[in-house]
Amino acid sequence: MKKLNLYFGLTLFIGFLATGYYMAEYFKPEHMQNYVMRMQLRANHIYTFYCTAKCDFVQM
């Protein structure tokens, strides 16, 4: 169970890095005039990181 939890956490961390890269490349601040949408994207990105941290450290 610990290995499954670790692998799932690592998968989420890779997803976190991928969403960060996606936001950096495609959602540049100067192109987004809607600040609510921009903040929602950032919040979802941070929530992905929180889920990753919880999955990696819950069994330690």
Protein backbone atom coordinates (compact mmCIF):
# COMPACT_ATOMS: atom_id res chain seq x y z
CA MET A 1 0.00 0.00 0.00
CA LYS A 2 2.88 2.38 0.74
CA LYS A 3 4.36 1.84 -2.72
CA LEU A 4 1.01 2.45 -4.39
CA ASN A 5 0.61 5.67 -2.41
CA LEU A 6 4.13 6.77 -3.32
CA TYR A 7 3.66 6.04 -7.03
CA PHE A 8 0.34 7.88 -7.06
CA GLY A 9 1.96 10.86 -5.33
CA LEU A 10 4.82 10.88 -7.82
CA THR A 11 2.35 10.73 -10.69
CA LEU A 12 0.51 13.73 -9.26
CA PHE A 13 3.82 15.57 -8.82
CA ILE A 14 4.65 14.98 -12.49
CA GLY A 15 1.18 16.30 -13.30
CA PHE A 16 1.92 19.34 -11.16
CA LEU A 17 5.10 20.01 -13.12
CA ALA A 18 3.26 19.50 -16.41
CA THR A 19 0.48 21.92 -15.48
CA GLY A 20 3.10 24.47 -14.40
CA TYR A 21 4.83 24.17 -17.74
CA TYR A 22 1.49 24.39 -19.55
CA MET A 23 0.53 27.54 -17.65
CA ALA A 24 3.92 29.11 -18.29
CA GLU A 25 3.76 28.45 -22.02
CA TYR A 26 0.10 28.98 -22.90
CA PHE A 27 -1.44 31.18 -20.22
CA LYS A 28 0.86 34.15 -20.15
CA PRO A 29 -0.37 36.99 -17.92
CA GLU A 30 -0.28 39.56 -20.70
CA HIS A 31 -2.64 37.45 -22.81
CA MET A 32 -5.24 36.87 -20.13
CA GLN A 33 -7.47 39.83 -19.44
CA ASN A 34 -9.88 37.86 -17.25
CA TYR A 35 -8.24 37.82 -13.83
CA VAL A 36 -10.82 35.48 -12.31
CA MET A 37 -9.96 32.79 -14.85
CA ARG A 38 -6.26 33.34 -14.28
CA MET A 39 -6.62 32.98 -10.51
CA GLN A 40 -8.72 29.83 -10.92
CA LEU A 41 -6.00 28.26 -13.04
CA ARG A 42 -3.37 29.13 -10.47
CA ALA A 43 -5.50 27.84 -7.61
CA ASN A 44 -6.08 24.51 -9.36
CA HIS A 45 -2.35 24.25 -9.96
CA ILE A 46 -1.64 24.76 -6.25
CA TYR A 47 -4.38 22.28 -5.27
CA THR A 48 -2.59 19.68 -7.40
CA PHE A 49 0.55 20.31 -5.36
CA TYR A 50 -1.33 19.97 -2.06
CA CYS A 51 -2.77 16.64 -3.17
CA THR A 52 0.70 15.49 -4.13
CA ALA A 53 2.13 16.39 -0.74
CA LYS A 54 -0.69 14.65 1.07
CA CYS A 55 -0.26 11.44 -0.94
CA ASP A 56 3.49 11.33 -0.52
CA PHE A 57 3.62 12.01 3.20
CA VAL A 58 0.44 10.43 4.54
CA GLN A 59 2.13 7.08 5.18
CA MET A 60 5.39 8.41 6.64
